[in-house]
Amino acid sequence: MLKIVRQNAGFNQRQVARQLGHCNATLLWHWENDKKMPSGIALIKLCAFYGKEVRDLYPQYYLDAKKRFVDQQGDTPLN
């Protein structure tokens, strides 16, 4: 999803990497291809840059985490 968001925003990997303060696009490629996950700070930067929420950039991870909380608590978590 991260790659789609970037492409829809009209940026290439190098442009986004520079905006996030990275020297090259290799790390961004790893994030987009699920080889690595961004750090918490990098994820915040990605969300701010694209104007998106975590659930928009990584919907499956968000849904998996939400399901785990529901299973553990027996309640529906906030949002």
PDB file of N, CA and C in Angstrom:
ATOM      1  N   MET A   1       0.820  -1.189   0.000  1.00  0.00           N
ATOM      2  CA  MET A   1       0.000   0.000   0.000  1.00  0.00           C
ATOM      3  C   MET A   1       0.870   1.261   0.000  1.00  0.00           C
ATOM      4  N   LEU A   2       2.003   1.198   0.684  1.00  0.00           N
ATOM      5  CA  LEU A   2       2.888   2.357   0.758  1.00  0.00           C
ATOM      6  C   LEU A   2       3.347   2.794  -0.636  1.00  0.00           C
ATOM      7  N   LYS A   3       3.660   1.840  -1.472  1.00  0.00           N
ATOM      8  CA  LYS A   3       4.092   2.159  -2.840  1.00  0.00           C
ATOM      9  C   LYS A   3       2.961   2.822  -3.623  1.00  0.00           C
ATOM     10  N   ILE A   4       1.757   2.306  -3.472  1.00  0.00           N
ATOM     11  CA  ILE A   4       0.600   2.865  -4.175  1.00  0.00           C
ATOM     12  C   ILE A   4       0.342   4.298  -3.724  1.00  0.00           C
ATOM     13  N   VAL A   5       0.435   4.528  -2.419  1.00  0.00           N
ATOM     14  CA  VAL A   5       0.233   5.880  -1.885  1.00  0.00           C
ATOM     15  C   VAL A   5       1.273   6.832  -2.479  1.00  0.00           C
ATOM     16  N   ARG A   6       2.528   6.385  -2.524  1.00  0.00           N
ATOM     17  CA  ARG A   6       3.598   7.221  -3.089  1.00  0.00           C
ATOM     18  C   ARG A   6       3.330   7.526  -4.560  1.00  0.00           C
ATOM     19  N   GLN A   7       3.002   6.498  -5.320  1.00  0.00           N
ATOM     20  CA  GLN A   7       2.753   6.687  -6.752  1.00  0.00           C
ATOM     21  C   GLN A   7       1.551   7.597  -6.997  1.00  0.00           C
ATOM     22  N   ASN A   8       0.498   7.407  -6.220  1.00  0.00           N
ATOM     23  CA  ASN A   8      -0.688   8.259  -6.367  1.00  0.00           C
ATOM     24  C   ASN A   8      -0.393   9.712  -6.021  1.00  0.00           C
ATOM     25  N   ALA A   9       0.581   9.917  -5.129  1.00  0.00           N
ATOM     26  CA  ALA A   9       0.974  11.276  -4.748  1.00  0.00           C
ATOM     27  C   ALA A   9       1.908  11.904  -5.788  1.00  0.00           C
ATOM     28  N   GLY A  10       2.389  11.085  -6.737  1.00  0.00           N
ATOM     29  CA  GLY A  10       3.219  11.605  -7.812  1.00  0.00           C
ATOM     30  C   GLY A  10       4.696  11.752  -7.487  1.00  0.00           C
ATOM     31  N   PHE A  11       5.181  10.970  -6.517  1.00  0.00           N
ATOM     32  CA  PHE A  11       6.586  11.041  -6.121  1.00  0.00           C
ATOM     33  C   PHE A  11       7.322   9.771  -6.517  1.00  0.00           C
ATOM     34  N   ASN A  12       8.633   9.905  -6.742  1.00  0.00           N
ATOM     35  CA  ASN A  12       9.452   8.711  -6.885  1.00  0.00           C
ATOM     36  C   ASN A  12      10.114   8.423  -5.536  1.00  0.00           C
ATOM     37  N   GLN A  13      10.735   7.272  -5.415  1.00  0.00           N
ATOM     38  CA  GLN A  13      11.327   6.878  -4.135  1.00  0.00           C
ATOM     39  C   GLN A  13      12.405   7.853  -3.683  1.00  0.00           C
ATOM     40  N   ARG A  14      13.210   8.316  -4.592  1.00  0.00           N
ATOM     41  CA  ARG A  14      14.297   9.237  -4.234  1.00  0.00           C
ATOM     42  C   ARG A  14      13.746  10.535  -3.638  1.00  0.00           C
ATOM     43  N   GLN A  15      12.677  11.058  -4.210  1.00  0.00           N
ATOM     44  CA  GLN A  15      12.078  12.293  -3.703  1.00  0.00           C
ATOM     45  C   GLN A  15      11.564  12.114  -2.280  1.00  0.00           C
ATOM     46  N   VAL A  16      10.880  11.005  -2.039  1.00  0.00           N
ATOM     47  CA  VAL A  16      10.345  10.753  -0.700  1.00  0.00           C
ATOM     48  C   VAL A  16      11.484  10.540   0.287  1.00  0.00           C
ATOM     49  N   ALA A  17      12.492   9.777  -0.109  1.00  0.00           N
ATOM     50  CA  ALA A  17      13.638   9.527   0.769  1.00  0.00           C
ATOM     51  C   ALA A  17      14.282  10.843   1.194  1.00  0.00           C
ATOM     52  N   ARG A  18      14.462  11.746   0.262  1.00  0.00           N
ATOM     53  CA  ARG A  18      15.055  13.053   0.591  1.00  0.00           C
ATOM     54  C   ARG A  18      14.177  13.836   1.560  1.00  0.00           C
ATOM     55  N   GLN A  19      12.874  13.824   1.324  1.00  0.00           N
ATOM     56  CA  GLN A  19      11.958  14.545   2.210  1.00  0.00           C
ATOM     57  C   GLN A  19      11.998  13.994   3.633  1.00  0.00           C
ATOM     58  N   LEU A  20      12.231  12.689   3.747  1.00  0.00           N
ATOM     59  CA  LEU A  20      12.280  12.054   5.070  1.00  0.00           C
ATOM     60  C   LEU A  20      13.664  12.147   5.701  1.00  0.00           C
ATOM     61  N   GLY A  21      14.634  12.685   4.967  1.00  0.00           N
ATOM     62  CA  GLY A  21      15.974  12.851   5.508  1.00  0.00           C
ATOM     63  C   GLY A  21      16.892  11.669   5.288  1.00  0.00           C
ATOM     64  N   HIS A  22      16.602  10.832   4.303  1.00  0.00           N
ATOM     65  CA  HIS A  22      17.455   9.685   3.980  1.00  0.00           C
ATOM     66  C   HIS A  22      18.306  10.017   2.756  1.00  0.00           C
ATOM     67  N   CYS A  23      19.486   9.448   2.705  1.00  0.00           N
ATOM     68  CA  CYS A  23      20.421   9.729   1.608  1.00  0.00           C
ATOM     69  C   CYS A  23      19.987   9.103   0.291  1.00  0.00           C
ATOM     70  N   ASN A  24      19.381   7.918   0.356  1.00  0.00           N
ATOM     71  CA  ASN A  24      18.979   7.246  -0.882  1.00  0.00           C
ATOM     72  C   ASN A  24      17.648   6.530  -0.683  1.00  0.00           C
ATOM     73  N   ALA A  25      17.163   5.930  -1.745  1.00  0.00           N
ATOM     74  CA  ALA A  25      15.829   5.329  -1.739  1.00  0.00           C
ATOM     75  C   ALA A  25      15.812   3.863  -1.327  1.00  0.00           C
ATOM     76  N   THR A  26      16.951   3.291  -1.000  1.00  0.00           N
ATOM     77  CA  THR A  26      17.007   1.861  -0.684  1.00  0.00           C
ATOM     78  C   THR A  26      16.103   1.496   0.486  1.00  0.00           C
ATOM     79  N   LEU A  27      16.158   2.281   1.546  1.00  0.00           N
ATOM     80  CA  LEU A  27      15.337   1.983   2.719  1.00  0.00           C
ATOM     81  C   LEU A  27      13.850   2.073   2.383  1.00  0.00           C
ATOM     82  N   LEU A  28      13.487   3.062   1.617  1.00  0.00           N
ATOM     83  CA  LEU A  28      12.087   3.204   1.206  1.00  0.00           C
ATOM     84  C   LEU A  28      11.647   1.997   0.385  1.00  0.00           C
ATOM     85  N   TRP A  29      12.521   1.514  -0.494  1.00  0.00           N
ATOM     86  CA  TRP A  29      12.210   0.316  -1.273  1.00  0.00           C
ATOM     87  C   TRP A  29      11.937  -0.856  -0.332  1.00  0.00           C
ATOM     88  N   HIS A  30      12.735  -1.023   0.701  1.00  0.00           N
ATOM     89  CA  HIS A  30      12.528  -2.106   1.668  1.00  0.00           C
ATOM     90  C   HIS A  30      11.173  -1.966   2.360  1.00  0.00           C
ATOM     91  N   TRP A  31      10.815  -0.749   2.730  1.00  0.00           N
ATOM     92  CA  TRP A  31       9.515  -0.532   3.372  1.00  0.00           C
ATOM     93  C   TRP A  31       8.374  -0.858   2.419  1.00  0.00           C
ATOM     94  N   GLU A  32       8.476  -0.413   1.188  1.00  0.00           N
ATOM     95  CA  GLU A  32       7.406  -0.626   0.214  1.00  0.00           C
ATOM     96  C   GLU A  32       7.241  -2.089  -0.171  1.00  0.00           C
ATOM     97  N   ASN A  33       8.283  -2.864  -0.050  1.00  0.00           N
ATOM     98  CA  ASN A  33       8.241  -4.274  -0.440  1.00  0.00           C
ATOM     99  C   ASN A  33       8.193  -5.216   0.754  1.00  0.00           C
ATOM    100  N   ASP A  34       7.840  -4.684   1.924  1.00  0.00           N
ATOM    101  CA  ASP A  34       7.687  -5.467   3.158  1.00  0.00           C
ATOM    102  C   ASP A  34       8.933  -6.267   3.520  1.00  0.00           C
ATOM    103  N   LYS A  35      10.095  -5.721   3.198  1.00  0.00           N
ATOM    104  CA  LYS A  35      11.356  -6.353   3.605  1.00  0.00           C
ATOM    105  C   LYS A  35      11.754  -5.874   4.993  1.00  0.00           C
ATOM    106  N   LYS A  36      11.396  -4.637   5.306  1.00  0.00           N
ATOM    107  CA  LYS A  36      11.640  -4.029   6.615  1.00  0.00           C
ATOM    108  C   LYS A  36      10.454  -3.131   6.934  1.00  0.00           C
ATOM    109  N   MET A  37      10.282  -2.865   8.223  1.00  0.00           N
ATOM    110  CA  MET A  37       9.249  -1.926   8.657  1.00  0.00           C
ATOM    111  C   MET A  37       9.926  -0.626   9.075  1.00  0.00           C
ATOM    112  N   PRO A  38       9.287   0.505   8.813  1.00  0.00           N
ATOM    113  CA  PRO A  38       9.868   1.768   9.263  1.00  0.00           C
ATOM    114  C   PRO A  38       9.842   1.858  10.787  1.00  0.00           C
ATOM    115  N   SER A  39      10.788   2.594  11.337  1.00  0.00           N
ATOM    116  CA  SER A  39      10.785   2.849  12.776  1.00  0.00           C
ATOM    117  C   SER A  39       9.562   3.694  13.116  1.00  0.00           C
ATOM    118  N   GLY A  40       9.287   3.843  14.380  1.00  0.00           N
ATOM    119  CA  GLY A  40       8.157   4.667  14.800  1.00  0.00           C
ATOM    120  C   GLY A  40       8.268   6.095  14.295  1.00  0.00           C
ATOM    121  N   ILE A  41       9.465   6.668  14.415  1.00  0.00           N
ATOM    122  CA  ILE A  41       9.687   8.040  13.944  1.00  0.00           C
ATOM    123  C   ILE A  41       9.508   8.119  12.428  1.00  0.00           C
ATOM    124  N   ALA A  42      10.065   7.152  11.709  1.00  0.00           N
ATOM    125  CA  ALA A  42       9.926   7.152  10.251  1.00  0.00           C
ATOM    126  C   ALA A  42       8.461   6.993   9.844  1.00  0.00           C
ATOM    127  N   LEU A  43       7.718   6.182  10.577  1.00  0.00           N
ATOM    128  CA  LEU A  43       6.299   5.996  10.272  1.00  0.00           C
ATOM    129  C   LEU A  43       5.524   7.296  10.491  1.00  0.00           C
ATOM    130  N   ILE A  44       5.856   8.011  11.551  1.00  0.00           N
ATOM    131  CA  ILE A  44       5.226   9.315  11.797  1.00  0.00           C
ATOM    132  C   ILE A  44       5.541  10.271  10.650  1.00  0.00           C
ATOM    133  N   LYS A  45       6.802  10.272  10.200  1.00  0.00           N
ATOM    134  CA  LYS A  45       7.191  11.134   9.083  1.00  0.00           C
ATOM    135  C   LYS A  45       6.436  10.763   7.810  1.00  0.00           C
ATOM    136  N   LEU A  46       6.318   9.462   7.545  1.00  0.00           N
ATOM    137  CA  LEU A  46       5.577   9.013   6.363  1.00  0.00           C
ATOM    138  C   LEU A  46       4.125   9.477   6.421  1.00  0.00           C
ATOM    139  N   CYS A  47       3.493   9.293   7.568  1.00  0.00           N
ATOM    140  CA  CYS A  47       2.093   9.704   7.726  1.00  0.00           C
ATOM    141  C   CYS A  47       1.942  11.208   7.518  1.00  0.00           C
ATOM    142  N   ALA A  48       2.856  11.986   8.103  1.00  0.00           N
ATOM    143  CA  ALA A  48       2.794  13.445   7.954  1.00  0.00           C
ATOM    144  C   ALA A  48       3.039  13.857   6.505  1.00  0.00           C
ATOM    145  N   PHE A  49       4.013  13.239   5.869  1.00  0.00           N
ATOM    146  CA  PHE A  49       4.356  13.583   4.484  1.00  0.00           C
ATOM    147  C   PHE A  49       3.190  13.318   3.539  1.00  0.00           C
ATOM    148  N   TYR A  50       2.567  12.153   3.682  1.00  0.00           N
ATOM    149  CA  TYR A  50       1.472  11.782   2.784  1.00  0.00           C
ATOM    150  C   TYR A  50       0.105  12.276   3.260  1.00  0.00           C
ATOM    151  N   GLY A  51       0.034  12.776   4.504  1.00  0.00           N
ATOM    152  CA  GLY A  51      -1.258  13.195   5.042  1.00  0.00           C
ATOM    153  C   GLY A  51      -2.186  12.017   5.267  1.00  0.00           C
ATOM    154  N   LYS A  52      -1.607  10.903   5.700  1.00  0.00           N
ATOM    155  CA  LYS A  52      -2.361   9.661   5.898  1.00  0.00           C
ATOM    156  C   LYS A  52      -2.200   9.167   7.328  1.00  0.00           C
ATOM    157  N   GLU A  53      -3.053   8.227   7.715  1.00  0.00           N
ATOM    158  CA  GLU A  53      -2.965   7.545   9.002  1.00  0.00           C
ATOM    159  C   GLU A  53      -2.207   6.234   8.823  1.00  0.00           C
ATOM    160  N   VAL A  54      -1.741   5.665   9.929  1.00  0.00           N
ATOM    161  CA  VAL A  54      -1.037   4.380   9.881  1.00  0.00           C
ATOM    162  C   VAL A  54      -1.902   3.336   9.196  1.00  0.00           C
ATOM    163  N   ARG A  55      -3.172   3.313   9.517  1.00  0.00           N
ATOM    164  CA  ARG A  55      -4.067   2.305   8.935  1.00  0.00           C
ATOM    165  C   ARG A  55      -4.193   2.455   7.421  1.00  0.00           C
ATOM    166  N   ASP A  56      -3.909   3.652   6.893  1.00  0.00           N
ATOM    167  CA  ASP A  56      -3.931   3.856   5.441  1.00  0.00           C
ATOM    168  C   ASP A  56      -2.663   3.324   4.776  1.00  0.00           C
ATOM    169  N   LEU A  57      -1.530   3.472   5.455  1.00  0.00           N
ATOM    170  CA  LEU A  57      -0.249   3.062   4.878  1.00  0.00           C
ATOM    171  C   LEU A  57       0.027   1.578   5.062  1.00  0.00           C
ATOM    172  N   TYR A  58      -0.414   1.027   6.185  1.00  0.00           N
ATOM    173  CA  TYR A  58      -0.190  -0.394   6.489  1.00  0.00           C
ATOM    174  C   TYR A  58      -1.489  -1.019   6.981  1.00  0.00           C
ATOM    175  N   PRO A  59      -2.507  -1.115   6.118  1.00  0.00           N
ATOM    176  CA  PRO A  59      -3.825  -1.578   6.566  1.00  0.00           C
ATOM    177  C   PRO A  59      -3.820  -2.977   7.162  1.00  0.00           C
ATOM    178  N   GLN A  60      -3.070  -3.903   6.607  1.00  0.00           N
ATOM    179  CA  GLN A  60      -3.107  -5.267   7.125  1.00  0.00           C
ATOM    180  C   GLN A  60      -2.492  -5.358   8.518  1.00  0.00           C
ATOM    181  N   TYR A  61      -1.382  -4.659   8.731  1.00  0.00           N
ATOM    182  CA  TYR A  61      -0.765  -4.665  10.060  1.00  0.00           C
ATOM    183  C   TYR A  61      -1.692  -4.021  11.077  1.00  0.00           C
ATOM    184  N   TYR A  62      -2.369  -2.958  10.661  1.00  0.00           N
ATOM    185  CA  TYR A  62      -3.306  -2.279  11.548  1.00  0.00           C
ATOM    186  C   TYR A  62      -4.467  -3.203  11.912  1.00  0.00           C
ATOM    187  N   LEU A  63      -5.040  -3.871  10.914  1.00  0.00           N
ATOM    188  CA  LEU A  63      -6.169  -4.766  11.175  1.00  0.00           C
ATOM    189  C   LEU A  63      -5.758  -5.956  12.033  1.00  0.00           C
ATOM    190  N   ASP A  64      -4.560  -6.497  11.789  1.00  0.00           N
ATOM    191  CA  ASP A  64      -4.065  -7.610  12.608  1.00  0.00           C
ATOM    192  C   ASP A  64      -3.895  -7.185  14.059  1.00  0.00           C
ATOM    193  N   ALA A  65      -3.321  -6.008  14.279  1.00  0.00           N
ATOM    194  CA  ALA A  65      -3.125  -5.515  15.643  1.00  0.00           C
ATOM    195  C   ALA A  65      -4.471  -5.258  16.315  1.00  0.00           C
ATOM    196  N   LYS A  66      -5.393  -4.671  15.588  1.00  0.00           N
ATOM    197  CA  LYS A  66      -6.720  -4.388  16.136  1.00  0.00           C
ATOM    198  C   LYS A  66      -7.426  -5.686  16.524  1.00  0.00           C
ATOM    199  N   LYS A  67      -7.334  -6.703  15.674  1.00  0.00           N
ATOM    200  CA  LYS A  67      -7.957  -7.995  15.967  1.00  0.00           C
ATOM    201  C   LYS A  67      -7.347  -8.614  17.218  1.00  0.00           C
ATOM    202  N   ARG A  68      -6.026  -8.520  17.352  1.00  0.00           N
ATOM    203  CA  ARG A  68      -5.369  -9.065  18.537  1.00  0.00           C
ATOM    204  C   ARG A  68      -5.879  -8.407  19.812  1.00  0.00           C
ATOM    205  N   PHE A  69      -6.058  -7.087  19.784  1.00  0.00           N
ATOM    206  CA  PHE A  69      -6.557  -6.383  20.960  1.00  0.00           C
ATOM    207  C   PHE A  69      -7.984  -6.793  21.281  1.00  0.00           C
ATOM    208  N   VAL A  70      -8.803  -6.950  20.259  1.00  0.00           N
ATOM    209  CA  VAL A  70     -10.186  -7.377  20.473  1.00  0.00           C
ATOM    210  C   VAL A  70     -10.204  -8.779  21.067  1.00  0.00           C
ATOM    211  N   ASP A  71      -9.386  -9.684  20.518  1.00  0.00           N
ATOM    212  CA  ASP A  71      -9.329 -11.055  21.025  1.00  0.00           C
ATOM    213  C   ASP A  71      -8.864 -11.096  22.473  1.00  0.00           C
ATOM    214  N   GLN A  72      -7.909 -10.256  22.830  1.00  0.00           N
ATOM    215  CA  GLN A  72      -7.364 -10.255  24.188  1.00  0.00           C
ATOM    216  C   GLN A  72      -8.313  -9.605  25.179  1.00  0.00           C
ATOM    217  N   GLN A  73      -8.975  -8.527  24.764  1.00  0.00           N
ATOM    218  CA  GLN A  73      -9.800  -7.755  25.680  1.00  0.00           C
ATOM    219  C   GLN A  73     -11.268  -8.156  25.659  1.00  0.00           C
ATOM    220  N   GLY A  74     -11.694  -8.759  24.582  1.00  0.00           N
ATOM    221  CA  GLY A  74     -13.100  -9.099  24.464  1.00  0.00           C
ATOM    222  C   GLY A  74     -13.976  -7.894  24.183  1.00  0.00           C
ATOM    223  N   ASP A  75     -13.364  -6.758  23.954  1.00  0.00           N
ATOM    224  CA  ASP A  75     -14.074  -5.519  23.645  1.00  0.00           C
ATOM    225  C   ASP A  75     -13.589  -4.993  22.310  1.00  0.00           C
ATOM    226  N   THR A  76     -14.325  -4.054  21.784  1.00  0.00           N
ATOM    227  CA  THR A  76     -13.869  -3.360  20.593  1.00  0.00           C
ATOM    228  C   THR A  76     -13.039  -2.169  21.044  1.00  0.00           C
ATOM    229  N   PRO A  77     -11.787  -2.082  20.595  1.00  0.00           N
ATOM    230  CA  PRO A  77     -10.965  -0.932  20.984  1.00  0.00           C
ATOM    231  C   PRO A  77     -11.462   0.339  20.316  1.00  0.00           C
ATOM    232  N   LEU A  78     -10.995   1.465  20.802  1.00  0.00           N
ATOM    233  CA  LEU A  78     -11.340   2.735  20.178  1.00  0.00           C
ATOM    234  C   LEU A  78     -10.808   2.747  18.763  1.00  0.00           C
ATOM    235  N   ASN A  79     -11.649   3.103  17.816  1.00  0.00           N
ATOM    236  CA  ASN A  79     -11.266   3.154  16.395  1.00  0.00           C
ATOM    237  C   ASN A  79     -10.530   1.908  16.028  1.00  0.00           C
TER     238      ASN A  79
END
